[in-house]
């Protein structure tokens, strides 16, 4: 096994896909059929419940997992520092790709992260992760409170166990495009319509994604109050 630094986990994923996937290929995860597993897990350190869910890499016994990690969510997204871990021959190919594309990450940000991690040590890093997770847990709970208050009966959702997003499905509405991109947007209520994650972005979608990373509890409450009114008008 080997590891290489990437410009965030997104660059690592891009290079992995370009290395092993051709247009039209089918992608499956399955040890039984001798396939590689690509594990994209930028929110691993932002799990709200313990014990944390295990990674595919931690269960890998025959070198078939390529894992992308990121410091963006627990240190700073602007650092653009991530890393790819996987079988040495494949990591070597990604390094060669990097040498003819992005060349390398900023040495300044690499040094900054390296010194910080050495200063913290594992215990200090995990203590920092705990503080970050506590912040996002409180943010999640505030958004869920607003959702329960204003969207009950109008929409459905699952409680996030990690990360910084809440996925919501509006009941009785075939497509949220107009609701989210026009009505809500004009009132400065910014959500991301679910069709952005579809292979066919023209397909109707009843889902939207709300972020709880920056908004205050008061802003969350006002946003879902306004959104509830738009939903009622649209049904």
C-alpha atoms as a PDB file:
ATOM      1  CA  UNK A   1       0.000   0.000   0.000  1.00  0.00           C
ATOM      2  CA  UNK A   2       1.012   3.616  -0.502  1.00  0.00           C
ATOM      3  CA  UNK A   3      -0.295   7.166  -0.084  1.00  0.00           C
ATOM      4  CA  UNK A   4       0.037  10.444  -1.966  1.00  0.00           C
ATOM      5  CA  UNK A   5      -0.993  14.012  -1.209  1.00  0.00           C
ATOM      6  CA  UNK A   6      -3.663  15.532  -3.456  1.00  0.00           C
ATOM      7  CA  UNK A   7      -5.227  18.947  -3.974  1.00  0.00           C
ATOM      8  CA  UNK A   8      -8.205  17.939  -1.850  1.00  0.00           C
ATOM      9  CA  UNK A   9      -9.952  14.586  -2.089  1.00  0.00           C
ATOM     10  CA  UNK A  10     -11.802  15.781  -5.204  1.00  0.00           C
ATOM     11  CA  UNK A  11      -8.607  15.816  -7.287  1.00  0.00           C
ATOM     12  CA  UNK A  12      -7.702  12.357  -6.034  1.00  0.00           C
ATOM     13  CA  UNK A  13     -11.098  10.974  -7.013  1.00  0.00           C
ATOM     14  CA  UNK A  14     -10.850  12.572 -10.445  1.00  0.00           C
ATOM     15  CA  UNK A  15      -7.479  10.982 -11.097  1.00  0.00           C
ATOM     16  CA  UNK A  16      -8.647   7.579  -9.835  1.00  0.00           C
ATOM     17  CA  UNK A  17     -11.656   7.609 -12.165  1.00  0.00           C
ATOM     18  CA  UNK A  18      -9.561   8.753 -15.115  1.00  0.00           C
ATOM     19  CA  UNK A  19      -7.089   5.978 -14.367  1.00  0.00           C
ATOM     20  CA  UNK A  20      -9.463   3.008 -14.195  1.00  0.00           C
ATOM     21  CA  UNK A  21     -12.882   3.939 -15.655  1.00  0.00           C
ATOM     22  CA  UNK A  22     -13.776   4.283 -19.342  1.00  0.00           C
ATOM     23  CA  UNK A  23     -16.989   5.824 -20.739  1.00  0.00           C
ATOM     24  CA  UNK A  24     -19.807   3.291 -20.634  1.00  0.00           C
ATOM     25  CA  UNK A  25     -18.227   1.142 -17.923  1.00  0.00           C
ATOM     26  CA  UNK A  26     -20.404  -0.283 -15.166  1.00  0.00           C
ATOM     27  CA  UNK A  27     -19.173   0.323 -11.607  1.00  0.00           C
ATOM     28  CA  UNK A  28     -19.847  -2.285  -8.833  1.00  0.00           C
ATOM     29  CA  UNK A  29     -18.330  -2.938  -5.278  1.00  0.00           C
ATOM     30  CA  UNK A  30     -17.824  -6.517  -4.694  1.00  0.00           C
ATOM     31  CA  UNK A  31     -14.921  -8.607  -3.396  1.00  0.00           C
ATOM     32  CA  UNK A  32     -16.577 -11.764  -4.689  1.00  0.00           C
ATOM     33  CA  UNK A  33     -16.099 -10.614  -8.285  1.00  0.00           C
ATOM     34  CA  UNK A  34     -12.614  -9.139  -7.786  1.00  0.00           C
ATOM     35  CA  UNK A  35     -13.392  -5.445  -8.275  1.00  0.00           C
ATOM     36  CA  UNK A  36     -11.649  -2.371  -6.934  1.00  0.00           C
ATOM     37  CA  UNK A  37     -13.517  -0.283  -4.362  1.00  0.00           C
ATOM     38  CA  UNK A  38     -13.196   3.501  -4.551  1.00  0.00           C
ATOM     39  CA  UNK A  39     -13.988   4.998  -1.134  1.00  0.00           C
ATOM     40  CA  UNK A  40     -14.799   8.721  -1.071  1.00  0.00           C
ATOM     41  CA  UNK A  41     -15.154   9.656   2.594  1.00  0.00           C
ATOM     42  CA  UNK A  42     -14.473  13.376   3.275  1.00  0.00           C
ATOM     43  CA  UNK A  43     -16.887  13.390   6.246  1.00  0.00           C
ATOM     44  CA  UNK A  44     -15.338  10.466   8.105  1.00  0.00           C
ATOM     45  CA  UNK A  45     -14.085  12.709  10.916  1.00  0.00           C
ATOM     46  CA  UNK A  46     -17.459  14.466  11.166  1.00  0.00           C
ATOM     47  CA  UNK A  47     -19.526  11.525  12.378  1.00  0.00           C
ATOM     48  CA  UNK A  48     -21.953  12.524  15.116  1.00  0.00           C
ATOM     49  CA  UNK A  49     -22.368   9.109  16.736  1.00  0.00           C
ATOM     50  CA  UNK A  50     -19.839   6.770  18.290  1.00  0.00           C
ATOM     51  CA  UNK A  51     -18.427   4.314  17.572  1.00  0.00           C
ATOM     52  CA  UNK A  52     -17.622   5.689  14.121  1.00  0.00           C
ATOM     53  CA  UNK A  53     -18.610   3.605  11.134  1.00  0.00           C
ATOM     54  CA  UNK A  54     -15.589   1.591   9.903  1.00  0.00           C
ATOM     55  CA  UNK A  55     -13.983   2.408   6.580  1.00  0.00           C
ATOM     56  CA  UNK A  56     -13.721  -0.006   3.665  1.00  0.00           C
ATOM     57  CA  UNK A  57      -9.952   0.545   3.843  1.00  0.00           C
ATOM     58  CA  UNK A  58      -9.865  -0.712   7.430  1.00  0.00           C
ATOM     59  CA  UNK A  59     -11.545  -3.937   6.291  1.00  0.00           C
ATOM     60  CA  UNK A  60      -9.443  -4.393   3.158  1.00  0.00           C
ATOM     61  CA  UNK A  61      -7.374  -7.579   3.284  1.00  0.00           C
ATOM     62  CA  UNK A  62      -6.335  -7.912  -0.360  1.00  0.00           C
ATOM     63  CA  UNK A  63      -5.450  -4.414  -1.560  1.00  0.00           C
ATOM     64  CA  UNK A  64      -8.595  -3.580  -3.505  1.00  0.00           C
ATOM     65  CA  UNK A  65      -9.588  -0.262  -1.820  1.00  0.00           C
ATOM     66  CA  UNK A  66      -8.522   3.174  -3.038  1.00  0.00           C
ATOM     67  CA  UNK A  67      -9.559   5.726  -0.411  1.00  0.00           C
ATOM     68  CA  UNK A  68      -9.832   9.513  -0.733  1.00  0.00           C
ATOM     69  CA  UNK A  69      -9.511  11.618   2.440  1.00  0.00           C
ATOM     70  CA  UNK A  70      -9.655  15.355   2.936  1.00  0.00           C
ATOM     71  CA  UNK A  71      -8.633  17.962   5.493  1.00  0.00           C
ATOM     72  CA  UNK A  72     -11.106  20.415   3.963  1.00  0.00           C
ATOM     73  CA  UNK A  73     -13.911  19.650   6.396  1.00  0.00           C
ATOM     74  CA  UNK A  74     -11.912  19.580   9.636  1.00  0.00           C
ATOM     75  CA  UNK A  75      -9.164  22.158   8.999  1.00  0.00           C
ATOM     76  CA  UNK A  76      -9.966  24.503   6.121  1.00  0.00           C
ATOM     77  CA  UNK A  77     -11.391  23.982   2.649  1.00  0.00           C
ATOM     78  CA  UNK A  78      -9.122  26.711   1.294  1.00  0.00           C
ATOM     79  CA  UNK A  79      -6.023  24.655   2.116  1.00  0.00           C
ATOM     80  CA  UNK A  80      -6.890  22.201  -0.691  1.00  0.00           C
ATOM     81  CA  UNK A  81      -5.102  19.350   1.035  1.00  0.00           C
ATOM     82  CA  UNK A  82      -6.243  15.744   0.783  1.00  0.00           C
ATOM     83  CA  UNK A  83      -4.640  12.356   0.278  1.00  0.00           C
ATOM     84  CA  UNK A  84      -5.249   9.107  -1.554  1.00  0.00           C
ATOM     85  CA  UNK A  85      -4.449   5.731  -0.001  1.00  0.00           C
ATOM     86  CA  UNK A  86      -4.398   2.481  -1.947  1.00  0.00           C
ATOM     87  CA  UNK A  87      -2.345  -0.236  -3.639  1.00  0.00           C
ATOM     88  CA  UNK A  88       1.169   1.030  -4.359  1.00  0.00           C
ATOM     89  CA  UNK A  89       1.118   0.416  -8.163  1.00  0.00           C
ATOM     90  CA  UNK A  90      -2.048   2.480  -8.527  1.00  0.00           C
ATOM     91  CA  UNK A  91      -0.842   5.285  -6.256  1.00  0.00           C
ATOM     92  CA  UNK A  92       2.324   5.463  -8.347  1.00  0.00           C
ATOM     93  CA  UNK A  93       0.162   6.028 -11.443  1.00  0.00           C
ATOM     94  CA  UNK A  94      -1.710   8.837  -9.693  1.00  0.00           C
ATOM     95  CA  UNK A  95       1.610  10.429  -8.736  1.00  0.00           C
ATOM     96  CA  UNK A  96       2.684  10.303 -12.409  1.00  0.00           C
ATOM     97  CA  UNK A  97      -0.624  11.894 -13.394  1.00  0.00           C
ATOM     98  CA  UNK A  98      -0.089  14.643 -10.826  1.00  0.00           C
ATOM     99  CA  UNK A  99       3.391  15.323 -12.200  1.00  0.00           C
ATOM    100  CA  UNK A 100       1.938  16.166 -15.615  1.00  0.00           C
ATOM    101  CA  UNK A 101      -1.185  18.009 -14.411  1.00  0.00           C
ATOM    102  CA  UNK A 102      -1.239  19.927 -11.122  1.00  0.00           C
ATOM    103  CA  UNK A 103       2.471  19.173 -10.464  1.00  0.00           C
ATOM    104  CA  UNK A 104       2.025  19.239  -6.670  1.00  0.00           C
ATOM    105  CA  UNK A 105       0.092  20.886  -3.889  1.00  0.00           C
ATOM    106  CA  UNK A 106       1.215  24.197  -2.488  1.00  0.00           C
ATOM    107  CA  UNK A 107       4.325  23.461  -0.452  1.00  0.00           C
ATOM    108  CA  UNK A 108       3.319  26.217   1.957  1.00  0.00           C
ATOM    109  CA  UNK A 109      -0.030  24.603   2.812  1.00  0.00           C
ATOM    110  CA  UNK A 110       1.568  21.151   2.968  1.00  0.00           C
ATOM    111  CA  UNK A 111       4.120  22.476   5.461  1.00  0.00           C
ATOM    112  CA  UNK A 112       1.407  24.240   7.444  1.00  0.00           C
ATOM    113  CA  UNK A 113      -0.685  21.071   7.788  1.00  0.00           C
ATOM    114  CA  UNK A 114       2.365  18.914   8.497  1.00  0.00           C
ATOM    115  CA  UNK A 115       3.594  21.181  11.288  1.00  0.00           C
ATOM    116  CA  UNK A 116       0.117  21.468  12.776  1.00  0.00           C
ATOM    117  CA  UNK A 117      -0.370  17.697  12.855  1.00  0.00           C
ATOM    118  CA  UNK A 118       3.077  17.141  14.351  1.00  0.00           C
ATOM    119  CA  UNK A 119       2.383  19.759  16.998  1.00  0.00           C
ATOM    120  CA  UNK A 120      -1.011  18.289  17.855  1.00  0.00           C
ATOM    121  CA  UNK A 121      -0.116  14.620  17.626  1.00  0.00           C
ATOM    122  CA  UNK A 122      -2.925  12.081  17.255  1.00  0.00           C
ATOM    123  CA  UNK A 123      -4.500  13.016  20.579  1.00  0.00           C
ATOM    124  CA  UNK A 124      -4.543  16.715  19.757  1.00  0.00           C
ATOM    125  CA  UNK A 125      -5.925  16.121  16.275  1.00  0.00           C
ATOM    126  CA  UNK A 126      -8.770  13.967  17.607  1.00  0.00           C
ATOM    127  CA  UNK A 127      -9.520  16.607  20.261  1.00  0.00           C
ATOM    128  CA  UNK A 128      -9.809  19.179  17.477  1.00  0.00           C
ATOM    129  CA  UNK A 129     -12.054  16.833  15.491  1.00  0.00           C
ATOM    130  CA  UNK A 130     -14.288  16.487  18.553  1.00  0.00           C
ATOM    131  CA  UNK A 131     -14.655  20.275  18.774  1.00  0.00           C
ATOM    132  CA  UNK A 132     -15.501  20.506  15.077  1.00  0.00           C
ATOM    133  CA  UNK A 133     -18.036  17.685  15.358  1.00  0.00           C
ATOM    134  CA  UNK A 134     -19.671  19.304  18.390  1.00  0.00           C
ATOM    135  CA  UNK A 135     -20.148  22.508  16.395  1.00  0.00           C
ATOM    136  CA  UNK A 136     -21.735  20.738  13.443  1.00  0.00           C
ATOM    137  CA  UNK A 137     -23.888  18.576  15.697  1.00  0.00           C
ATOM    138  CA  UNK A 138     -25.372  21.723  17.245  1.00  0.00           C
ATOM    139  CA  UNK A 139     -25.873  23.205  13.774  1.00  0.00           C
ATOM    140  CA  UNK A 140     -27.590  20.000  12.609  1.00  0.00           C
ATOM    141  CA  UNK A 141     -29.877  19.962  15.627  1.00  0.00           C
ATOM    142  CA  UNK A 142     -30.849  23.591  15.005  1.00  0.00           C
ATOM    143  CA  UNK A 143     -31.759  22.837  11.381  1.00  0.00           C
ATOM    144  CA  UNK A 144     -33.708  19.733  12.407  1.00  0.00           C
ATOM    145  CA  UNK A 145     -35.626  21.818  14.953  1.00  0.00           C
ATOM    146  CA  UNK A 146     -36.546  24.290  12.213  1.00  0.00           C
ATOM    147  CA  UNK A 147     -37.556  21.441   9.907  1.00  0.00           C
ATOM    148  CA  UNK A 148     -39.745  19.857  12.586  1.00  0.00           C
ATOM    149  CA  UNK A 149     -41.357  23.228  13.276  1.00  0.00           C
ATOM    150  CA  UNK A 150     -42.140  24.296   9.717  1.00  0.00           C
ATOM    151  CA  UNK A 151     -41.888  21.323   7.353  1.00  0.00           C
ATOM    152  CA  UNK A 152     -43.653  18.558   9.275  1.00  0.00           C
ATOM    153  CA  UNK A 153     -46.361  17.114   7.058  1.00  0.00           C
ATOM    154  CA  UNK A 154     -44.985  18.929   4.018  1.00  0.00           C
ATOM    155  CA  UNK A 155     -41.709  17.053   3.641  1.00  0.00           C
ATOM    156  CA  UNK A 156     -39.698  14.103   4.925  1.00  0.00           C
ATOM    157  CA  UNK A 157     -36.040  13.650   5.799  1.00  0.00           C
ATOM    158  CA  UNK A 158     -33.566  11.412   7.580  1.00  0.00           C
ATOM    159  CA  UNK A 159     -31.442  12.675  10.460  1.00  0.00           C
ATOM    160  CA  UNK A 160     -27.847  13.124   9.194  1.00  0.00           C
ATOM    161  CA  UNK A 161     -25.284  11.041  11.068  1.00  0.00           C
ATOM    162  CA  UNK A 162     -22.308  12.947   9.634  1.00  0.00           C
ATOM    163  CA  UNK A 163     -21.378  15.908   7.474  1.00  0.00           C
ATOM    164  CA  UNK A 164     -23.063  19.282   7.063  1.00  0.00           C
ATOM    165  CA  UNK A 165     -26.131  18.686   4.888  1.00  0.00           C
ATOM    166  CA  UNK A 166     -29.786  17.725   5.307  1.00  0.00           C
ATOM    167  CA  UNK A 167     -31.568  16.066   2.382  1.00  0.00           C
ATOM    168  CA  UNK A 168     -35.280  16.836   2.200  1.00  0.00           C
ATOM    169  CA  UNK A 169     -38.019  15.330   0.020  1.00  0.00           C
ATOM    170  CA  UNK A 170     -41.090  17.511  -0.506  1.00  0.00           C
ATOM    171  CA  UNK A 171     -44.325  15.541  -0.414  1.00  0.00           C
ATOM    172  CA  UNK A 172     -46.740  15.849  -3.301  1.00  0.00           C
ATOM    173  CA  UNK A 173     -44.379  17.913  -5.450  1.00  0.00           C
ATOM    174  CA  UNK A 174     -42.996  16.264  -8.559  1.00  0.00           C
ATOM    175  CA  UNK A 175     -40.141  18.719  -9.095  1.00  0.00           C
ATOM    176  CA  UNK A 176     -38.629  21.380  -6.801  1.00  0.00           C
ATOM    177  CA  UNK A 177     -36.788  23.272  -9.540  1.00  0.00           C
ATOM    178  CA  UNK A 178     -39.115  26.275  -9.724  1.00  0.00           C
ATOM    179  CA  UNK A 179     -39.692  26.325  -5.974  1.00  0.00           C
ATOM    180  CA  UNK A 180     -35.994  26.350  -5.048  1.00  0.00           C
ATOM    181  CA  UNK A 181     -34.404  28.195  -7.964  1.00  0.00           C
ATOM    182  CA  UNK A 182     -37.018  30.913  -8.418  1.00  0.00           C
ATOM    183  CA  UNK A 183     -39.359  31.455  -5.487  1.00  0.00           C
ATOM    184  CA  UNK A 184     -36.925  30.674  -2.661  1.00  0.00           C
ATOM    185  CA  UNK A 185     -33.956  32.277  -4.413  1.00  0.00           C
ATOM    186  CA  UNK A 186     -35.787  35.588  -4.859  1.00  0.00           C
ATOM    187  CA  UNK A 187     -36.309  35.673  -1.094  1.00  0.00           C
ATOM    188  CA  UNK A 188     -32.600  34.902  -0.500  1.00  0.00           C
ATOM    189  CA  UNK A 189     -33.340  31.361   0.676  1.00  0.00           C
ATOM    190  CA  UNK A 190     -30.579  29.282  -0.877  1.00  0.00           C
ATOM    191  CA  UNK A 191     -30.944  25.504  -1.191  1.00  0.00           C
ATOM    192  CA  UNK A 192     -29.522  23.100  -3.750  1.00  0.00           C
ATOM    193  CA  UNK A 193     -32.065  21.234  -5.928  1.00  0.00           C
ATOM    194  CA  UNK A 194     -31.471  17.493  -6.012  1.00  0.00           C
ATOM    195  CA  UNK A 195     -31.371  17.268  -9.810  1.00  0.00           C
ATOM    196  CA  UNK A 196     -27.810  18.619  -9.668  1.00  0.00           C
ATOM    197  CA  UNK A 197     -26.801  15.146  -8.482  1.00  0.00           C
ATOM    198  CA  UNK A 198     -28.689  13.290 -11.222  1.00  0.00           C
ATOM    199  CA  UNK A 199     -26.997  11.871 -14.275  1.00  0.00           C
ATOM    200  CA  UNK A 200     -29.848  13.436 -16.276  1.00  0.00           C
ATOM    201  CA  UNK A 201     -30.133  16.939 -14.814  1.00  0.00           C
ATOM    202  CA  UNK A 202     -33.322  17.584 -16.791  1.00  0.00           C
ATOM    203  CA  UNK A 203     -35.203  14.876 -14.894  1.00  0.00           C
ATOM    204  CA  UNK A 204     -37.770  16.049 -12.305  1.00  0.00           C
ATOM    205  CA  UNK A 205     -36.681  15.760  -8.687  1.00  0.00           C
ATOM    206  CA  UNK A 206     -38.622  16.254  -5.408  1.00  0.00           C
ATOM    207  CA  UNK A 207     -35.450  16.557  -3.302  1.00  0.00           C
ATOM    208  CA  UNK A 208     -33.290  19.468  -2.186  1.00  0.00           C
ATOM    209  CA  UNK A 209     -30.180  19.752  -0.025  1.00  0.00           C
ATOM    210  CA  UNK A 210     -29.842  22.255   2.803  1.00  0.00           C
ATOM    211  CA  UNK A 211     -26.500  23.119   4.393  1.00  0.00           C
ATOM    212  CA  UNK A 212     -26.175  23.769   8.113  1.00  0.00           C
ATOM    213  CA  UNK A 213     -22.509  24.791   8.019  1.00  0.00           C
ATOM    214  CA  UNK A 214     -22.772  28.589   8.303  1.00  0.00           C
ATOM    215  CA  UNK A 215     -26.367  29.733   8.889  1.00  0.00           C
ATOM    216  CA  UNK A 216     -27.418  30.761  12.377  1.00  0.00           C
ATOM    217  CA  UNK A 217     -30.385  29.025  14.083  1.00  0.00           C
ATOM    218  CA  UNK A 218     -32.413  32.188  13.494  1.00  0.00           C
ATOM    219  CA  UNK A 219     -31.609  32.143   9.779  1.00  0.00           C
ATOM    220  CA  UNK A 220     -32.486  28.454   9.554  1.00  0.00           C
ATOM    221  CA  UNK A 221     -35.839  29.095  11.203  1.00  0.00           C
ATOM    222  CA  UNK A 222     -36.661  31.998   8.883  1.00  0.00           C
ATOM    223  CA  UNK A 223     -35.576  30.039   5.802  1.00  0.00           C
ATOM    224  CA  UNK A 224     -37.741  27.006   6.532  1.00  0.00           C
ATOM    225  CA  UNK A 225     -40.665  29.224   7.517  1.00  0.00           C
ATOM    226  CA  UNK A 226     -40.500  30.924   4.127  1.00  0.00           C
ATOM    227  CA  UNK A 227     -39.945  27.614   2.348  1.00  0.00           C
ATOM    228  CA  UNK A 228     -42.999  26.102   4.034  1.00  0.00           C
ATOM    229  CA  UNK A 229     -45.127  28.932   2.700  1.00  0.00           C
ATOM    230  CA  UNK A 230     -43.809  28.401  -0.847  1.00  0.00           C
ATOM    231  CA  UNK A 231     -44.505  24.663  -0.614  1.00  0.00           C
ATOM    232  CA  UNK A 232     -48.099  25.273   0.469  1.00  0.00           C
ATOM    233  CA  UNK A 233     -48.571  27.683  -2.432  1.00  0.00           C
ATOM    234  CA  UNK A 234     -47.165  25.131  -4.880  1.00  0.00           C
ATOM    235  CA  UNK A 235     -49.286  22.157  -3.815  1.00  0.00           C
END
